[in-house]
Every structure is written in structure tokens, then in C-alpha cells.
Amino acid sequence: MYKIIGADQKEYGPITADQLRQWISEGRINAGTKVLPEGAGVWKSVSELPEFAAALPGGAPPAPVIPMQMATAPAAGKSNQMALWAMITGIISLLCCQIFGPVSIVLGIVALSQIKQNPQQTGSGFAIAGIVLGVLSLILAVVGISILIAFPQYLTNLQNSFPQ
């Protein structure tokens, strides 16, 4: 009796040797299909089992033995540090120091360029956030200065609100 791993990666069986030979002849099983003989503790490919060599089409060469293991997620790329700094300076520029706005924009653009040149790097979201926050802080600075120029009494009222 045998168990097999189908193309859908599901386990089937137990089945007899004759059933396995029939599935080989029907093309449902090939030389690389994993088989677990009854009583064995190791999965092998059909081509590694001599009792099925005659049933394989054209005396197929043995399939390479690839140990079965859990699929692992691909390694995450390294985050671009300049992109992270673009976002940090963007937040600072929006909260208090608009002078960091242009710095954030430049860092974000350079970081996006570096990420485009090196696809293993991540952080494009940080870079875009830094650019957007930098632009917002510049817009707020320009609007604030425009209001002060257009309405100078606001600055006078602000100065008068503090005790001297």
C-alpha cells in the first residue's frame, strides 16, 4: 500500500501498487510524484522506487530529490533609511518647524530614486509620506505668511495679547 502527494499538494491513499501503476499509465502520476510506501517513514519520488521503473514512460531518469519542507516567506528587503528620515522630517515640519519641509521633500525624492534603482529595498510609502508632509507644511507656511501680509492687524493683535 502507498500514499501519494497529488499535484494539488494533498495526500491520497492508501492505494495498491497496481492502482499506482494504472495512474502512471494514465499520466496522473509522473516520475517526480512523491510516494510514501507503507511502513516507510520517508517520502520518495516514484522514480526512486524500483518496483515502478518499468511503468514509467521511456525509462524516465530519476527526478532530483528535493527535501519536503515548509514554504517560507521571502526575506523582506531592507528598508531605505533615507525614506524613513523623509517621513520623520515631514512630521516635524508639519508639527512645528516648516524649515524641514524642503528637507523632507528632497529626502523623499532621493529615497524613491534609490528604491527604484534597488528593488530589494523597501520604504517607498515612507518616502511618499515624507514628500506629502513636506509639501503640506510648505503650503501651510505660505498660507500663514500670506495671511500675515494681507492682514497685519492679526500680528499686532497677537503681539498685544502677550503681557509686556
N, C-alpha and C. Protein backbone atom coordinates (compact mmCIF):
# COMPACT_ATOMS: atom_id res chain seq x y z
N MET A 1 0.84 -1.17 0.00
CA MET A 1 0.00 0.00 0.00
C MET A 1 0.89 1.25 0.00
N TYR A 2 0.38 2.29 -0.64
CA TYR A 2 1.14 3.52 -0.81
C TYR A 2 0.24 4.73 -0.58
N LYS A 3 0.87 5.80 -0.19
CA LYS A 3 0.21 7.11 -0.15
C LYS A 3 0.97 8.00 -1.11
N ILE A 4 0.26 8.94 -1.74
CA ILE A 4 0.92 9.85 -2.68
C ILE A 4 0.55 11.29 -2.35
N ILE A 5 1.39 12.20 -2.81
CA ILE A 5 1.09 13.63 -2.75
C ILE A 5 0.71 14.03 -4.18
N GLY A 6 -0.53 14.46 -4.35
CA GLY A 6 -1.02 14.83 -5.68
C GLY A 6 -0.50 16.19 -6.12
N ALA A 7 -0.81 16.57 -7.34
CA ALA A 7 -0.40 17.85 -7.89
C ALA A 7 -0.99 19.01 -7.10
N ASP A 8 -2.11 18.76 -6.41
CA ASP A 8 -2.74 19.80 -5.60
C ASP A 8 -2.15 19.85 -4.18
N GLN A 9 -1.05 19.09 -3.97
CA GLN A 9 -0.34 19.01 -2.70
C GLN A 9 -1.16 18.37 -1.58
N LYS A 10 -2.19 17.59 -1.96
CA LYS A 10 -2.98 16.86 -0.99
C LYS A 10 -2.52 15.42 -0.96
N GLU A 11 -2.69 14.78 0.19
CA GLU A 11 -2.29 13.39 0.36
C GLU A 11 -3.44 12.47 -0.04
N TYR A 12 -3.11 11.43 -0.83
CA TYR A 12 -4.11 10.46 -1.27
C TYR A 12 -3.64 9.06 -0.90
N GLY A 13 -4.58 8.20 -0.65
CA GLY A 13 -4.25 6.81 -0.35
C GLY A 13 -4.79 6.40 0.99
N PRO A 14 -4.57 5.20 1.36
CA PRO A 14 -3.63 4.26 0.74
C PRO A 14 -4.20 3.65 -0.54
N ILE A 15 -3.28 3.41 -1.48
CA ILE A 15 -3.64 2.76 -2.74
C ILE A 15 -2.69 1.59 -2.96
N THR A 16 -3.09 0.67 -3.81
CA THR A 16 -2.27 -0.51 -4.10
C THR A 16 -1.23 -0.16 -5.16
N ALA A 17 -0.25 -1.06 -5.29
CA ALA A 17 0.79 -0.89 -6.30
C ALA A 17 0.17 -0.93 -7.70
N ASP A 18 -0.82 -1.78 -7.91
CA ASP A 18 -1.47 -1.86 -9.22
C ASP A 18 -2.20 -0.55 -9.54
N GLN A 19 -2.86 0.03 -8.55
CA GLN A 19 -3.55 1.30 -8.77
C GLN A 19 -2.53 2.39 -9.11
N LEU A 20 -1.38 2.37 -8.43
CA LEU A 20 -0.32 3.35 -8.70
C LEU A 20 0.19 3.19 -10.13
N ARG A 21 0.41 1.95 -10.58
CA ARG A 21 0.86 1.72 -11.95
C ARG A 21 -0.18 2.21 -12.96
N GLN A 22 -1.46 1.98 -12.66
CA GLN A 22 -2.52 2.46 -13.56
C GLN A 22 -2.48 3.98 -13.65
N TRP A 23 -2.33 4.67 -12.51
CA TRP A 23 -2.28 6.14 -12.52
C TRP A 23 -1.06 6.64 -13.29
N ILE A 24 0.06 5.88 -13.24
CA ILE A 24 1.24 6.26 -14.03
C ILE A 24 0.91 6.16 -15.51
N SER A 25 0.27 5.06 -15.91
CA SER A 25 -0.08 4.87 -17.33
C SER A 25 -1.09 5.91 -17.81
N GLU A 26 -1.96 6.38 -16.92
CA GLU A 26 -2.94 7.40 -17.28
C GLU A 26 -2.35 8.81 -17.27
N GLY A 27 -1.11 8.93 -16.77
CA GLY A 27 -0.47 10.25 -16.72
C GLY A 27 -0.86 11.06 -15.50
N ARG A 28 -1.57 10.44 -14.58
CA ARG A 28 -1.98 11.14 -13.36
C ARG A 28 -0.83 11.25 -12.37
N ILE A 29 0.17 10.39 -12.54
CA ILE A 29 1.35 10.38 -11.69
C ILE A 29 2.55 10.36 -12.62
N ASN A 30 3.60 11.11 -12.25
CA ASN A 30 4.83 11.09 -13.05
C ASN A 30 6.01 10.70 -12.18
N ALA A 31 7.20 10.71 -12.76
CA ALA A 31 8.40 10.25 -12.06
C ALA A 31 8.70 11.08 -10.82
N GLY A 32 8.26 12.32 -10.79
CA GLY A 32 8.56 13.19 -9.65
C GLY A 32 7.52 13.18 -8.56
N THR A 33 6.41 12.46 -8.76
CA THR A 33 5.36 12.42 -7.74
C THR A 33 5.90 11.78 -6.47
N LYS A 34 5.58 12.38 -5.33
CA LYS A 34 6.05 11.86 -4.04
C LYS A 34 5.15 10.72 -3.58
N VAL A 35 5.82 9.64 -3.13
CA VAL A 35 5.14 8.42 -2.70
C VAL A 35 5.68 8.02 -1.33
N LEU A 36 4.78 7.54 -0.47
CA LEU A 36 5.18 7.01 0.83
C LEU A 36 4.77 5.55 0.90
N PRO A 37 5.75 4.62 0.75
CA PRO A 37 5.42 3.20 0.87
C PRO A 37 4.99 2.89 2.31
N GLU A 38 4.07 1.94 2.45
CA GLU A 38 3.59 1.56 3.77
C GLU A 38 4.76 1.07 4.62
N GLY A 39 4.85 1.58 5.83
CA GLY A 39 5.91 1.18 6.74
C GLY A 39 7.17 2.03 6.61
N ALA A 40 7.27 2.81 5.55
CA ALA A 40 8.44 3.68 5.38
C ALA A 40 8.14 5.02 6.06
N GLY A 41 9.15 5.69 6.48
CA GLY A 41 8.96 6.98 7.13
C GLY A 41 9.37 8.15 6.27
N VAL A 42 9.82 7.87 5.05
CA VAL A 42 10.36 8.92 4.18
C VAL A 42 9.61 8.93 2.86
N TRP A 43 9.20 10.10 2.43
CA TRP A 43 8.56 10.25 1.12
C TRP A 43 9.65 10.17 0.06
N LYS A 44 9.37 9.46 -1.03
CA LYS A 44 10.30 9.34 -2.15
C LYS A 44 9.55 9.64 -3.43
N SER A 45 10.31 9.98 -4.48
CA SER A 45 9.66 10.16 -5.77
C SER A 45 9.44 8.77 -6.39
N VAL A 46 8.47 8.68 -7.29
CA VAL A 46 8.14 7.40 -7.93
C VAL A 46 9.38 6.83 -8.62
N SER A 47 10.20 7.69 -9.20
CA SER A 47 11.38 7.21 -9.94
C SER A 47 12.41 6.57 -9.01
N GLU A 48 12.34 6.82 -7.72
CA GLU A 48 13.28 6.22 -6.77
C GLU A 48 12.86 4.81 -6.34
N LEU A 49 11.66 4.41 -6.70
CA LEU A 49 11.17 3.09 -6.30
C LEU A 49 11.31 2.12 -7.47
N PRO A 50 12.18 1.12 -7.34
CA PRO A 50 12.45 0.22 -8.46
C PRO A 50 11.22 -0.55 -8.95
N GLU A 51 10.24 -0.79 -8.08
CA GLU A 51 9.08 -1.56 -8.50
C GLU A 51 8.21 -0.83 -9.52
N PHE A 52 8.46 0.48 -9.73
CA PHE A 52 7.66 1.24 -10.69
C PHE A 52 8.48 1.70 -11.89
N ALA A 53 9.75 1.31 -11.97
CA ALA A 53 10.62 1.76 -13.06
C ALA A 53 10.06 1.33 -14.42
N ALA A 54 9.55 0.12 -14.52
CA ALA A 54 9.03 -0.37 -15.80
C ALA A 54 7.76 0.37 -16.21
N ALA A 55 7.01 0.87 -15.26
CA ALA A 55 5.75 1.55 -15.57
C ALA A 55 5.97 2.99 -16.02
N LEU A 56 7.12 3.55 -15.70
CA LEU A 56 7.39 4.95 -16.08
C LEU A 56 7.66 5.05 -17.57
N PRO A 57 7.13 6.06 -18.23
CA PRO A 57 7.32 6.19 -19.67
C PRO A 57 8.78 6.46 -20.03
N GLY A 58 9.28 5.72 -21.02
CA GLY A 58 10.62 5.94 -21.58
C GLY A 58 11.75 5.79 -20.59
N GLY A 59 11.57 5.00 -19.55
CA GLY A 59 12.64 4.84 -18.58
C GLY A 59 13.09 6.19 -18.05
N ALA A 60 12.17 6.94 -17.57
CA ALA A 60 12.44 8.31 -17.13
C ALA A 60 13.58 8.35 -16.13
N PRO A 61 14.47 9.34 -16.30
CA PRO A 61 15.57 9.45 -15.34
C PRO A 61 15.01 9.84 -13.97
N PRO A 62 15.72 9.46 -12.94
CA PRO A 62 15.23 9.79 -11.61
C PRO A 62 15.08 11.30 -11.44
N ALA A 63 14.00 11.66 -10.82
CA ALA A 63 13.77 13.08 -10.54
C ALA A 63 14.70 13.51 -9.42
N PRO A 64 15.14 14.74 -9.46
CA PRO A 64 16.00 15.19 -8.37
C PRO A 64 15.25 15.14 -7.03
N VAL A 65 15.97 14.73 -6.02
CA VAL A 65 15.36 14.62 -4.71
C VAL A 65 15.42 15.99 -4.04
N ILE A 66 14.25 16.52 -3.79
CA ILE A 66 14.16 17.82 -3.12
C ILE A 66 13.48 17.56 -1.79
N PRO A 67 14.17 17.83 -0.70
CA PRO A 67 13.55 17.55 0.59
C PRO A 67 12.28 18.38 0.76
N MET A 68 11.24 17.74 1.27
CA MET A 68 9.99 18.45 1.51
C MET A 68 10.17 19.28 2.77
N GLN A 69 9.83 20.54 2.66
CA GLN A 69 9.93 21.41 3.80
C GLN A 69 8.84 22.46 3.73
N MET A 70 8.64 23.11 4.83
CA MET A 70 7.62 24.14 4.89
C MET A 70 8.03 25.30 4.00
N ALA A 71 7.06 25.85 3.30
CA ALA A 71 7.33 27.02 2.48
C ALA A 71 7.58 28.20 3.41
N THR A 72 8.59 28.97 3.07
CA THR A 72 8.91 30.13 3.89
C THR A 72 8.64 31.39 3.08
N ALA A 73 8.31 32.41 3.76
CA ALA A 73 8.07 33.69 3.10
C ALA A 73 9.40 34.24 2.62
N PRO A 74 9.39 34.96 1.49
CA PRO A 74 10.63 35.53 1.02
C PRO A 74 11.16 36.54 2.03
N ALA A 75 12.46 36.63 2.10
CA ALA A 75 13.08 37.57 3.04
C ALA A 75 12.67 38.99 2.69
N ALA A 76 12.32 39.72 3.71
CA ALA A 76 11.92 41.11 3.49
C ALA A 76 13.14 41.93 3.11
N GLY A 77 12.94 42.87 2.20
CA GLY A 77 14.04 43.73 1.80
C GLY A 77 14.37 44.72 2.89
N LYS A 78 15.55 45.28 2.79
CA LYS A 78 16.00 46.25 3.77
C LYS A 78 15.30 47.57 3.50
N SER A 79 14.81 48.19 4.55
CA SER A 79 14.12 49.47 4.42
C SER A 79 15.13 50.58 4.15
N ASN A 80 14.78 51.44 3.22
CA ASN A 80 15.64 52.58 2.88
C ASN A 80 15.58 53.60 4.02
N GLN A 81 16.74 53.86 4.61
CA GLN A 81 16.80 54.77 5.76
C GLN A 81 16.46 56.21 5.38
N MET A 82 16.81 56.59 4.18
CA MET A 82 16.51 57.96 3.74
C MET A 82 15.00 58.16 3.64
N ALA A 83 14.28 57.13 3.25
CA ALA A 83 12.82 57.21 3.18
C ALA A 83 12.24 57.41 4.57
N LEU A 84 12.78 56.68 5.54
CA LEU A 84 12.33 56.83 6.92
C LEU A 84 12.59 58.25 7.42
N TRP A 85 13.76 58.79 7.12
CA TRP A 85 14.09 60.15 7.55
C TRP A 85 13.23 61.18 6.82
N ALA A 86 12.85 60.90 5.61
CA ALA A 86 11.95 61.80 4.89
C ALA A 86 10.62 61.92 5.63
N MET A 87 10.10 60.77 6.09
CA MET A 87 8.84 60.81 6.81
C MET A 87 9.00 61.52 8.16
N ILE A 88 10.08 61.24 8.87
CA ILE A 88 10.30 61.87 10.18
C ILE A 88 10.41 63.38 10.04
N THR A 89 11.22 63.85 9.08
CA THR A 89 11.35 65.30 8.90
C THR A 89 10.05 65.91 8.40
N GLY A 90 9.26 65.15 7.64
CA GLY A 90 7.95 65.63 7.20
C GLY A 90 7.01 65.84 8.37
N ILE A 91 7.03 64.91 9.32
CA ILE A 91 6.18 65.05 10.51
C ILE A 91 6.63 66.26 11.33
N ILE A 92 7.94 66.40 11.53
CA ILE A 92 8.46 67.53 12.30
C ILE A 92 8.10 68.84 11.61
N SER A 93 8.23 68.88 10.29
CA SER A 93 7.93 70.13 9.58
C SER A 93 6.46 70.48 9.67
N LEU A 94 5.60 69.50 9.69
CA LEU A 94 4.17 69.77 9.79
C LEU A 94 3.77 70.21 11.19
N LEU A 95 4.43 69.64 12.20
CA LEU A 95 4.07 69.96 13.58
C LEU A 95 4.62 71.29 14.07
N CYS A 96 5.86 71.61 13.73
CA CYS A 96 6.42 72.80 14.35
C CYS A 96 7.41 73.59 13.48
N CYS A 97 8.23 72.95 12.73
CA CYS A 97 9.35 73.64 12.08
C CYS A 97 9.25 73.50 10.56
N GLN A 98 8.58 74.46 9.94
CA GLN A 98 8.35 74.37 8.50
C GLN A 98 9.65 74.37 7.70
N ILE A 99 10.76 74.74 8.31
CA ILE A 99 12.05 74.73 7.61
C ILE A 99 12.43 73.31 7.18
N PHE A 100 11.88 72.31 7.86
CA PHE A 100 12.18 70.93 7.49
C PHE A 100 11.36 70.45 6.30
N GLY A 101 10.40 71.22 5.84
CA GLY A 101 9.57 70.84 4.70
C GLY A 101 10.39 70.54 3.45
N PRO A 102 11.24 71.50 3.01
CA PRO A 102 12.06 71.21 1.82
C PRO A 102 13.02 70.04 2.04
N VAL A 103 13.53 69.90 3.25
CA VAL A 103 14.43 68.78 3.55
C VAL A 103 13.67 67.46 3.36
N SER A 104 12.47 67.41 3.87
CA SER A 104 11.64 66.21 3.75
C SER A 104 11.36 65.87 2.28
N ILE A 105 11.06 66.88 1.50
CA ILE A 105 10.76 66.66 0.07
C ILE A 105 11.98 66.12 -0.65
N VAL A 106 13.14 66.72 -0.41
CA VAL A 106 14.37 66.27 -1.08
C VAL A 106 14.73 64.86 -0.65
N LEU A 107 14.66 64.58 0.66
CA LEU A 107 14.96 63.22 1.13
C LEU A 107 14.01 62.20 0.52
N GLY A 108 12.73 62.53 0.43
CA GLY A 108 11.76 61.61 -0.14
C GLY A 108 12.02 61.32 -1.61
N ILE A 109 12.36 62.36 -2.37
CA ILE A 109 12.62 62.16 -3.80
C ILE A 109 13.87 61.32 -4.01
N VAL A 110 14.92 61.61 -3.25
CA VAL A 110 16.16 60.83 -3.37
C VAL A 110 15.91 59.38 -2.96
N ALA A 111 15.14 59.17 -1.88
CA ALA A 111 14.84 57.81 -1.42
C ALA A 111 14.05 57.04 -2.48
N LEU A 112 13.06 57.67 -3.10
CA LEU A 112 12.31 56.99 -4.16
C LEU A 112 13.21 56.60 -5.32
N SER A 113 14.15 57.47 -5.65
CA SER A 113 15.10 57.17 -6.72
C SER A 113 15.96 55.96 -6.35
N GLN A 114 16.44 55.93 -5.10
CA GLN A 114 17.26 54.80 -4.66
C GLN A 114 16.46 53.50 -4.65
N ILE A 115 15.20 53.57 -4.21
CA ILE A 115 14.36 52.37 -4.17
C ILE A 115 14.08 51.87 -5.58
N LYS A 116 13.91 52.78 -6.51
CA LYS A 116 13.67 52.38 -7.90
C LYS A 116 14.90 51.69 -8.48
N GLN A 117 16.10 52.16 -8.12
CA GLN A 117 17.33 51.56 -8.62
C GLN A 117 17.63 50.22 -7.96
N ASN A 118 17.16 50.04 -6.71
CA ASN A 118 17.43 48.82 -5.97
C ASN A 118 16.11 48.23 -5.48
N PRO A 119 15.47 47.36 -6.27
CA PRO A 119 14.14 46.85 -5.93
C PRO A 119 14.08 46.04 -4.63
N GLN A 120 15.24 45.59 -4.10
CA GLN A 120 15.21 44.85 -2.84
C GLN A 120 14.93 45.76 -1.66
N GLN A 121 15.12 47.06 -1.84
CA GLN A 121 14.85 47.99 -0.75
C GLN A 121 13.35 48.27 -0.67
N THR A 122 12.89 48.50 0.55
CA THR A 122 11.50 48.86 0.77
C THR A 122 11.46 50.26 1.36
N GLY A 123 10.28 50.82 1.51
CA GLY A 123 10.15 52.13 2.14
C GLY A 123 9.58 53.20 1.24
N SER A 124 9.05 52.82 0.09
CA SER A 124 8.50 53.84 -0.80
C SER A 124 7.34 54.57 -0.14
N GLY A 125 6.59 53.89 0.71
CA GLY A 125 5.50 54.53 1.44
C GLY A 125 5.99 55.62 2.37
N PHE A 126 7.11 55.34 3.05
CA PHE A 126 7.71 56.35 3.93
C PHE A 126 8.15 57.56 3.12
N ALA A 127 8.77 57.30 1.96
CA ALA A 127 9.27 58.40 1.13
C ALA A 127 8.11 59.26 0.62
N ILE A 128 7.06 58.61 0.17
CA ILE A 128 5.90 59.36 -0.33
C ILE A 128 5.25 60.16 0.81
N ALA A 129 5.14 59.55 1.98
CA ALA A 129 4.57 60.25 3.14
C ALA A 129 5.43 61.48 3.48
N GLY A 130 6.75 61.33 3.43
CA GLY A 130 7.64 62.46 3.70
C GLY A 130 7.45 63.59 2.70
N ILE A 131 7.30 63.24 1.44
CA ILE A 131 7.09 64.25 0.40
C ILE A 131 5.77 64.98 0.64
N VAL A 132 4.71 64.22 0.88
CA VAL A 132 3.39 64.82 1.09
C VAL A 132 3.39 65.72 2.32
N LEU A 133 3.97 65.25 3.43
CA LEU A 133 4.01 66.06 4.64
C LEU A 133 4.85 67.31 4.44
N GLY A 134 5.97 67.18 3.71
CA GLY A 134 6.79 68.35 3.43
C GLY A 134 6.05 69.39 2.60
N VAL A 135 5.33 68.93 1.59
CA VAL A 135 4.55 69.85 0.74
C VAL A 135 3.44 70.51 1.56
N LEU A 136 2.76 69.72 2.40
CA LEU A 136 1.71 70.30 3.25
C LEU A 136 2.26 71.37 4.18
N SER A 137 3.42 71.12 4.77
CA SER A 137 3.99 72.12 5.68
C SER A 137 4.38 73.38 4.92
N LEU A 138 4.87 73.24 3.70
CA LEU A 138 5.20 74.43 2.91
C LEU A 138 3.94 75.20 2.53
N ILE A 139 2.89 74.48 2.18
CA ILE A 139 1.62 75.14 1.86
C ILE A 139 1.10 75.91 3.07
N LEU A 140 1.14 75.28 4.23
CA LEU A 140 0.69 75.95 5.45
C LEU A 140 1.55 77.18 5.76
N ALA A 141 2.84 77.07 5.55
CA ALA A 141 3.73 78.22 5.79
C ALA A 141 3.40 79.36 4.84
N VAL A 142 3.20 79.05 3.57
CA VAL A 142 2.88 80.09 2.58
C VAL A 142 1.53 80.73 2.90
N VAL A 143 0.54 79.93 3.26
CA VAL A 143 -0.77 80.47 3.62
C VAL A 143 -0.66 81.35 4.86
N GLY A 144 0.08 80.90 5.86
CA GLY A 144 0.25 81.68 7.08
C GLY A 144 0.94 83.01 6.82
N ILE A 145 2.00 83.00 6.04
CA ILE A 145 2.72 84.25 5.72
C ILE A 145 1.83 85.16 4.89
N SER A 146 1.07 84.59 3.96
CA SER A 146 0.15 85.40 3.14
C SER A 146 -0.90 86.09 4.00
N ILE A 147 -1.44 85.37 4.98
CA ILE A 147 -2.43 85.97 5.87
C ILE A 147 -1.82 87.10 6.68
N LEU A 148 -0.60 86.90 7.17
CA LEU A 148 0.06 87.95 7.95
C LEU A 148 0.36 89.18 7.11
N ILE A 149 0.72 88.97 5.85
CA ILE A 149 0.99 90.11 4.97
C ILE A 149 -0.31 90.82 4.61
N ALA A 150 -1.36 90.07 4.33
CA ALA A 150 -2.63 90.66 3.91
C ALA A 150 -3.34 91.34 5.08
N PHE A 151 -3.19 90.79 6.27
CA PHE A 151 -3.88 91.34 7.44
C PHE A 151 -2.89 91.59 8.56
N PRO A 152 -2.13 92.68 8.50
CA PRO A 152 -1.09 92.93 9.51
C PRO A 152 -1.67 93.14 10.92
N GLN A 153 -2.95 93.48 11.02
CA GLN A 153 -3.54 93.69 12.35
C GLN A 153 -3.55 92.40 13.16
N TYR A 154 -3.57 91.21 12.50
CA TYR A 154 -3.52 89.95 13.23
C TYR A 154 -2.21 89.83 13.99
N LEU A 155 -1.11 90.25 13.38
CA LEU A 155 0.19 90.21 14.05
C LEU A 155 0.22 91.20 15.20
N THR A 156 -0.36 92.38 15.00
CA THR A 156 -0.40 93.38 16.07
C THR A 156 -1.25 92.87 17.22
N ASN A 157 -2.41 92.28 16.91
CA ASN A 157 -3.27 91.72 17.96
C ASN A 157 -2.56 90.59 18.71
N LEU A 158 -1.79 89.78 17.99
CA LEU A 158 -1.05 88.69 18.62
C LEU A 158 0.00 89.26 19.57
N GLN A 159 0.70 90.32 19.14
CA GLN A 159 1.72 90.93 19.99
C GLN A 159 1.08 91.56 21.24
N ASN A 160 -0.08 92.15 21.09
CA ASN A 160 -0.76 92.79 22.20
C ASN A 160 -1.36 91.78 23.19
N SER A 161 -1.57 90.57 22.76
CA SER A 161 -2.17 89.57 23.63
C SER A 161 -1.19 89.05 24.70
N PHE A 162 0.09 89.27 24.49
CA PHE A 162 1.09 88.84 25.47
C PHE A 162 1.42 90.00 26.40
N PRO A 163 1.46 89.78 27.70
CA PRO A 163 1.81 90.87 28.61
C PRO A 163 3.26 91.27 28.47
N GLN A 164 3.49 92.59 28.64
CA GLN A 164 4.87 93.07 28.48
C GLN A 164 5.51 93.36 29.80
